[in-house]
N, C-alpha and C. Protein backbone atom coordinates (compact mmCIF):
# COMPACT_ATOMS: atom_id res chain seq x y z
N MET A 1 3.33 -6.85 19.33
CA MET A 1 3.86 -7.01 17.63
C MET A 1 4.87 -6.15 17.32
N ASP A 2 5.77 -6.60 16.66
CA ASP A 2 6.97 -5.89 16.08
C ASP A 2 6.95 -5.46 14.66
N CYS A 3 5.81 -5.20 14.18
CA CYS A 3 5.56 -4.73 12.61
C CYS A 3 5.89 -3.56 12.39
N LEU A 4 6.69 -3.11 11.56
CA LEU A 4 6.74 -1.78 11.20
C LEU A 4 5.77 -1.11 10.57
N PHE A 5 5.00 -1.57 9.89
CA PHE A 5 3.49 -0.99 9.22
C PHE A 5 2.70 -0.59 10.66
N CYS A 6 2.41 -1.53 11.19
CA CYS A 6 1.62 -1.38 12.48
C CYS A 6 1.98 -0.29 13.33
N LYS A 7 3.48 -0.17 13.51
CA LYS A 7 3.98 0.94 14.25
C LYS A 7 3.81 2.34 13.56
N ILE A 8 3.85 2.26 12.18
CA ILE A 8 3.66 3.44 11.29
C ILE A 8 2.05 3.93 11.55
N ILE A 9 1.12 3.16 11.32
CA ILE A 9 -0.24 3.22 11.53
C ILE A 9 -0.62 3.55 12.89
N SER A 10 0.19 3.25 14.03
CA SER A 10 -0.28 3.82 15.27
C SER A 10 0.46 5.23 15.71
N GLY A 11 1.20 5.54 14.75
CA GLY A 11 1.99 6.86 14.89
C GLY A 11 3.33 6.64 15.72
N GLU A 12 3.53 5.69 16.11
CA GLU A 12 4.79 5.37 16.78
C GLU A 12 6.17 5.52 16.06
N ILE A 13 5.91 5.33 14.65
CA ILE A 13 7.17 5.79 13.65
C ILE A 13 6.51 6.83 12.63
N PRO A 14 7.18 7.88 12.51
CA PRO A 14 6.69 8.91 11.51
C PRO A 14 6.42 8.45 10.26
N SER A 15 5.55 8.98 9.58
CA SER A 15 5.42 8.83 8.08
C SER A 15 4.74 9.94 7.08
N SER A 16 4.77 10.10 6.07
CA SER A 16 4.38 11.18 5.39
C SER A 16 3.08 10.60 4.78
N LYS A 17 2.21 10.78 5.65
CA LYS A 17 0.84 10.39 5.58
C LYS A 17 0.00 11.05 4.18
N VAL A 18 -0.77 10.08 3.45
CA VAL A 18 -1.36 10.86 2.28
C VAL A 18 -2.90 10.55 2.31
N TYR A 19 -3.34 9.42 3.10
CA TYR A 19 -4.76 9.26 3.24
C TYR A 19 -4.96 8.25 4.36
N GLU A 20 -5.97 8.38 4.97
CA GLU A 20 -6.12 7.62 6.24
C GLU A 20 -7.84 7.75 6.59
N ASP A 21 -8.43 6.68 6.48
CA ASP A 21 -9.49 6.12 7.20
C ASP A 21 -10.03 5.33 8.29
N GLU A 22 -10.98 4.77 8.22
CA GLU A 22 -11.35 3.95 9.42
C GLU A 22 -10.64 2.35 9.17
N TYR A 23 -10.34 2.01 7.85
CA TYR A 23 -9.59 0.87 7.61
C TYR A 23 -8.30 0.68 6.99
N CYS A 24 -7.97 1.65 6.43
CA CYS A 24 -6.68 1.82 5.75
C CYS A 24 -5.83 3.18 6.05
N TYR A 25 -4.70 3.17 5.82
CA TYR A 25 -3.73 4.17 6.17
C TYR A 25 -2.59 4.10 4.72
N ALA A 26 -2.45 5.25 4.26
CA ALA A 26 -1.62 5.45 2.93
C ALA A 26 -0.46 6.39 3.09
N PHE A 27 0.72 6.30 2.80
CA PHE A 27 1.90 6.96 3.07
C PHE A 27 2.99 7.18 2.09
N ARG A 28 3.92 7.87 1.70
CA ARG A 28 4.89 7.91 0.79
C ARG A 28 5.87 6.82 1.04
N ASP A 29 6.30 6.32 0.14
CA ASP A 29 7.57 5.24 0.30
C ASP A 29 8.72 6.18 0.51
N ILE A 30 9.37 5.73 1.36
CA ILE A 30 10.87 6.30 1.58
C ILE A 30 11.88 6.07 0.54
N ASN A 31 11.45 5.25 -0.13
CA ASN A 31 12.78 4.72 -1.44
C ASN A 31 11.66 4.69 -2.61
N PRO A 32 11.41 5.81 -3.03
CA PRO A 32 10.37 5.76 -4.38
C PRO A 32 10.98 5.10 -5.64
N GLN A 33 10.17 4.34 -6.19
CA GLN A 33 10.58 3.70 -7.41
C GLN A 33 9.89 4.44 -8.80
N ALA A 34 9.04 5.53 -8.41
CA ALA A 34 8.42 6.03 -9.53
C ALA A 34 8.17 7.59 -8.89
N PRO A 35 7.89 8.79 -9.58
CA PRO A 35 7.54 10.13 -9.01
C PRO A 35 6.27 10.17 -7.98
N VAL A 36 5.52 8.93 -8.16
CA VAL A 36 4.64 8.98 -7.12
C VAL A 36 4.79 7.48 -6.73
N HIS A 37 4.78 7.45 -5.38
CA HIS A 37 5.05 5.81 -5.20
C HIS A 37 4.48 6.06 -3.41
N ILE A 38 3.34 5.34 -3.55
CA ILE A 38 2.64 5.61 -2.08
C ILE A 38 2.22 4.06 -1.61
N LEU A 39 2.29 3.75 -0.43
CA LEU A 39 2.06 2.56 0.11
C LEU A 39 0.62 2.55 0.86
N VAL A 40 -0.17 1.41 0.72
CA VAL A 40 -1.55 1.76 1.20
C VAL A 40 -1.85 0.25 2.01
N VAL A 41 -2.08 0.47 3.29
CA VAL A 41 -2.02 -0.70 3.96
C VAL A 41 -3.32 -0.98 4.92
N PRO A 42 -3.89 -2.09 5.06
CA PRO A 42 -4.97 -2.00 6.04
C PRO A 42 -4.90 -1.87 7.35
N LYS A 43 -5.43 -1.34 8.21
CA LYS A 43 -5.05 -0.90 9.98
C LYS A 43 -5.15 -2.45 10.40
N CYS A 44 -5.90 -3.42 10.01
CA CYS A 44 -5.63 -4.61 10.88
C CYS A 44 -4.51 -5.26 10.16
N HIS A 45 -3.69 -6.00 11.17
CA HIS A 45 -2.44 -6.75 10.62
C HIS A 45 -2.92 -8.00 9.77
N ILE A 46 -2.73 -8.16 8.48
CA ILE A 46 -2.59 -9.16 7.58
C ILE A 46 -1.29 -9.33 6.97
N GLU A 47 -0.91 -10.53 7.25
CA GLU A 47 0.62 -10.89 6.83
C GLU A 47 0.67 -10.87 5.26
N SER A 48 -0.10 -11.24 4.40
CA SER A 48 0.09 -10.77 3.10
C SER A 48 -1.10 -11.26 2.31
N ALA A 49 -1.36 -11.24 1.04
CA ALA A 49 -2.34 -11.64 0.14
C ALA A 49 -2.81 -13.20 0.37
N ASP A 50 -1.74 -14.05 1.14
CA ASP A 50 -1.99 -15.35 1.10
C ASP A 50 -2.77 -15.66 2.05
N VAL A 51 -3.11 -14.82 3.14
CA VAL A 51 -3.96 -15.09 4.12
C VAL A 51 -5.16 -14.32 4.35
N ILE A 52 -5.63 -13.66 3.07
CA ILE A 52 -6.98 -13.05 3.17
C ILE A 52 -8.13 -14.07 3.08
N CYS A 53 -9.04 -13.61 4.07
CA CYS A 53 -10.23 -14.47 4.15
C CYS A 53 -11.20 -13.87 4.59
N GLY A 54 -12.37 -14.40 4.78
CA GLY A 54 -13.56 -13.70 5.14
C GLY A 54 -13.65 -12.92 6.40
N GLY A 55 -12.96 -13.27 7.33
CA GLY A 55 -12.65 -12.35 8.49
C GLY A 55 -11.94 -11.23 8.13
N ASN A 56 -11.19 -11.04 7.14
CA ASN A 56 -10.35 -9.84 7.02
C ASN A 56 -10.37 -9.19 5.71
N SER A 57 -11.45 -9.81 4.79
CA SER A 57 -11.43 -9.36 3.45
C SER A 57 -12.18 -7.95 3.38
N LEU A 58 -13.04 -7.38 4.22
CA LEU A 58 -13.41 -6.14 4.13
C LEU A 58 -12.37 -5.21 4.35
N TYR A 59 -11.37 -5.41 5.06
CA TYR A 59 -10.04 -4.45 5.08
C TYR A 59 -9.61 -4.12 3.71
N VAL A 60 -9.41 -5.45 3.11
CA VAL A 60 -8.87 -5.37 1.53
C VAL A 60 -9.81 -4.65 0.72
N ALA A 61 -11.00 -5.03 0.88
CA ALA A 61 -12.08 -4.13 -0.13
C ALA A 61 -11.67 -2.77 0.21
N LYS A 62 -11.78 -2.25 1.34
CA LYS A 62 -11.65 -0.81 1.69
C LYS A 62 -10.43 -0.23 1.17
N VAL A 63 -9.28 -0.90 1.37
CA VAL A 63 -8.14 -0.42 0.59
C VAL A 63 -8.43 -0.09 -0.78
N PHE A 64 -9.16 -1.09 -1.62
CA PHE A 64 -9.38 -0.99 -2.82
C PHE A 64 -10.16 0.21 -3.24
N GLU A 65 -11.14 0.38 -2.25
CA GLU A 65 -12.11 1.65 -2.54
C GLU A 65 -11.41 2.94 -2.19
N ALA A 66 -10.26 2.82 -1.64
CA ALA A 66 -9.45 4.14 -1.20
C ALA A 66 -8.34 4.45 -2.29
N ILE A 67 -7.98 3.30 -3.06
CA ILE A 67 -6.89 3.43 -4.12
C ILE A 67 -7.15 4.61 -4.95
N PRO A 68 -8.33 4.28 -5.62
CA PRO A 68 -8.64 5.55 -6.69
C PRO A 68 -8.79 6.69 -6.15
N LYS A 69 -9.33 6.84 -4.88
CA LYS A 69 -9.22 8.06 -4.05
C LYS A 69 -7.78 9.04 -4.14
N ILE A 70 -6.89 7.98 -3.62
CA ILE A 70 -5.63 8.57 -3.44
C ILE A 70 -5.05 9.02 -4.98
N ALA A 71 -5.26 7.95 -5.86
CA ALA A 71 -4.69 8.17 -7.19
C ALA A 71 -5.16 9.55 -7.80
N ALA A 72 -6.29 9.90 -7.55
CA ALA A 72 -7.14 11.07 -7.94
C ALA A 72 -6.39 12.21 -7.22
N SER A 73 -6.26 11.92 -5.77
CA SER A 73 -5.68 13.26 -5.26
C SER A 73 -4.34 13.41 -5.47
N GLU A 74 -3.52 12.44 -6.14
CA GLU A 74 -2.29 12.60 -6.85
C GLU A 74 -2.17 13.02 -8.10
N SER A 75 -3.07 13.09 -8.67
CA SER A 75 -3.47 13.57 -10.13
C SER A 75 -2.81 12.31 -11.35
N LEU A 76 -3.06 11.32 -10.63
CA LEU A 76 -2.56 10.18 -11.67
C LEU A 76 -3.69 9.89 -12.50
N SER A 77 -4.07 10.79 -13.55
CA SER A 77 -5.34 10.52 -14.46
C SER A 77 -4.95 9.84 -15.64
N GLU A 78 -3.54 9.97 -15.77
CA GLU A 78 -3.05 8.84 -17.02
C GLU A 78 -3.04 7.43 -16.80
N GLY A 79 -3.04 7.05 -15.44
CA GLY A 79 -3.00 5.79 -15.05
C GLY A 79 -1.93 5.76 -14.03
N TYR A 80 -1.77 4.29 -13.48
CA TYR A 80 -0.81 4.15 -12.42
C TYR A 80 -0.94 2.52 -12.17
N ARG A 81 0.04 2.07 -11.30
CA ARG A 81 0.01 0.50 -11.35
C ARG A 81 -0.06 0.46 -9.65
N VAL A 82 -0.78 -0.84 -9.23
CA VAL A 82 -1.08 -1.39 -7.98
C VAL A 82 -0.14 -2.65 -7.96
N ILE A 83 0.57 -2.78 -6.98
CA ILE A 83 1.48 -4.05 -6.72
C ILE A 83 1.59 -4.50 -5.26
N THR A 84 1.45 -5.86 -4.96
CA THR A 84 1.50 -6.29 -3.75
C THR A 84 2.54 -7.31 -4.11
N ASN A 85 3.51 -7.68 -2.95
CA ASN A 85 4.56 -8.62 -3.04
C ASN A 85 4.21 -9.57 -2.03
N ILE A 86 4.16 -10.78 -2.25
CA ILE A 86 3.92 -12.05 -1.29
C ILE A 86 5.18 -12.92 -1.29
N GLY A 87 5.61 -12.92 0.19
CA GLY A 87 6.75 -14.02 0.39
C GLY A 87 8.14 -13.83 -0.16
N LYS A 88 9.11 -14.43 0.22
CA LYS A 88 10.45 -14.14 -0.22
C LYS A 88 10.78 -14.19 -1.53
N HIS A 89 10.04 -15.10 -2.44
CA HIS A 89 10.37 -14.92 -3.98
C HIS A 89 9.76 -13.84 -4.42
N GLY A 90 8.73 -13.04 -3.94
CA GLY A 90 7.78 -12.17 -4.56
C GLY A 90 8.59 -10.74 -3.83
N CYS A 91 9.83 -10.99 -3.19
CA CYS A 91 10.37 -9.86 -2.33
C CYS A 91 9.67 -8.85 -1.29
N GLN A 92 8.69 -9.47 -0.54
CA GLN A 92 7.99 -8.91 0.42
C GLN A 92 8.83 -8.61 1.38
N SER A 93 9.16 -7.42 1.66
CA SER A 93 10.26 -6.72 2.72
C SER A 93 9.51 -6.65 3.97
N VAL A 94 8.22 -6.47 4.03
CA VAL A 94 7.37 -6.16 5.48
C VAL A 94 6.37 -7.08 5.47
N LYS A 95 6.15 -7.92 6.50
CA LYS A 95 5.11 -8.90 6.59
C LYS A 95 3.69 -8.26 7.20
N HIS A 96 3.42 -7.42 6.42
CA HIS A 96 2.06 -6.66 6.53
C HIS A 96 1.62 -6.27 5.26
N LEU A 97 0.36 -6.82 4.79
CA LEU A 97 -0.06 -6.66 3.43
C LEU A 97 -0.15 -5.24 3.28
N HIS A 98 0.41 -4.84 2.05
CA HIS A 98 0.58 -3.49 1.57
C HIS A 98 0.62 -3.63 0.06
N PHE A 99 0.14 -2.49 -0.55
CA PHE A 99 -0.06 -2.18 -2.11
C PHE A 99 0.49 -0.92 -2.36
N HIS A 100 1.55 -1.08 -3.32
CA HIS A 100 2.19 0.15 -3.87
C HIS A 100 1.45 0.65 -5.00
N ILE A 101 1.32 2.04 -4.77
CA ILE A 101 0.61 2.74 -6.03
C ILE A 101 1.92 3.25 -6.62
N LEU A 102 2.04 3.26 -7.81
CA LEU A 102 3.18 4.01 -8.62
C LEU A 102 2.76 4.42 -9.94
N GLY A 103 3.19 5.68 -10.01
CA GLY A 103 2.64 6.43 -11.24
C GLY A 103 3.39 7.83 -11.34
N GLY A 104 2.76 8.85 -12.04
CA GLY A 104 3.47 9.97 -12.20
C GLY A 104 4.50 10.00 -13.44
N LYS A 105 4.53 8.97 -14.12
CA LYS A 105 5.12 8.93 -15.59
C LYS A 105 4.87 7.61 -16.22
N GLN A 106 5.18 7.50 -17.39
CA GLN A 106 4.92 6.28 -18.01
C GLN A 106 5.88 5.22 -17.78
N LEU A 107 5.23 4.07 -17.10
CA LEU A 107 5.90 3.02 -16.35
C LEU A 107 6.15 2.05 -17.78
N SER A 108 7.33 1.24 -17.27
CA SER A 108 7.88 0.29 -18.20
C SER A 108 6.89 -1.11 -18.38
N GLU A 109 6.67 -1.59 -19.41
CA GLU A 109 5.96 -2.77 -19.37
C GLU A 109 6.41 -4.02 -18.58
N LYS A 110 7.87 -3.83 -18.51
CA LYS A 110 8.46 -4.66 -17.94
C LYS A 110 8.24 -4.79 -16.19
N MET A 111 8.33 -5.85 -15.68
CA MET A 111 8.13 -5.98 -14.20
C MET A 111 9.39 -6.58 -13.33
N ASP A 112 10.39 -6.10 -13.89
CA ASP A 112 11.54 -6.96 -13.16
C ASP A 112 11.74 -6.41 -11.98
């Protein structure tokens, strides 16, 4: 498989790891949109939120269990945003389900 995030998870491509467990991997975004910008990806390849199903939803649940731990480790006690993009119009740039954690400052209410 020629998936960028699968290669990052396997260590084939280096990353700035923030968190890892049996189900997910989190690393700093190389083009941060906020002072804290971390990507959290399931370790099994899921193309997008459109294909979450009973067979892979455990990985998604584990990602969402990890997100508050990651946010706490980054001192995001004032809040943060979690975003996933789906498909072309949603600007999904990598076809591997991933969640952006954005924080470290007051974020805009607009989602442009």
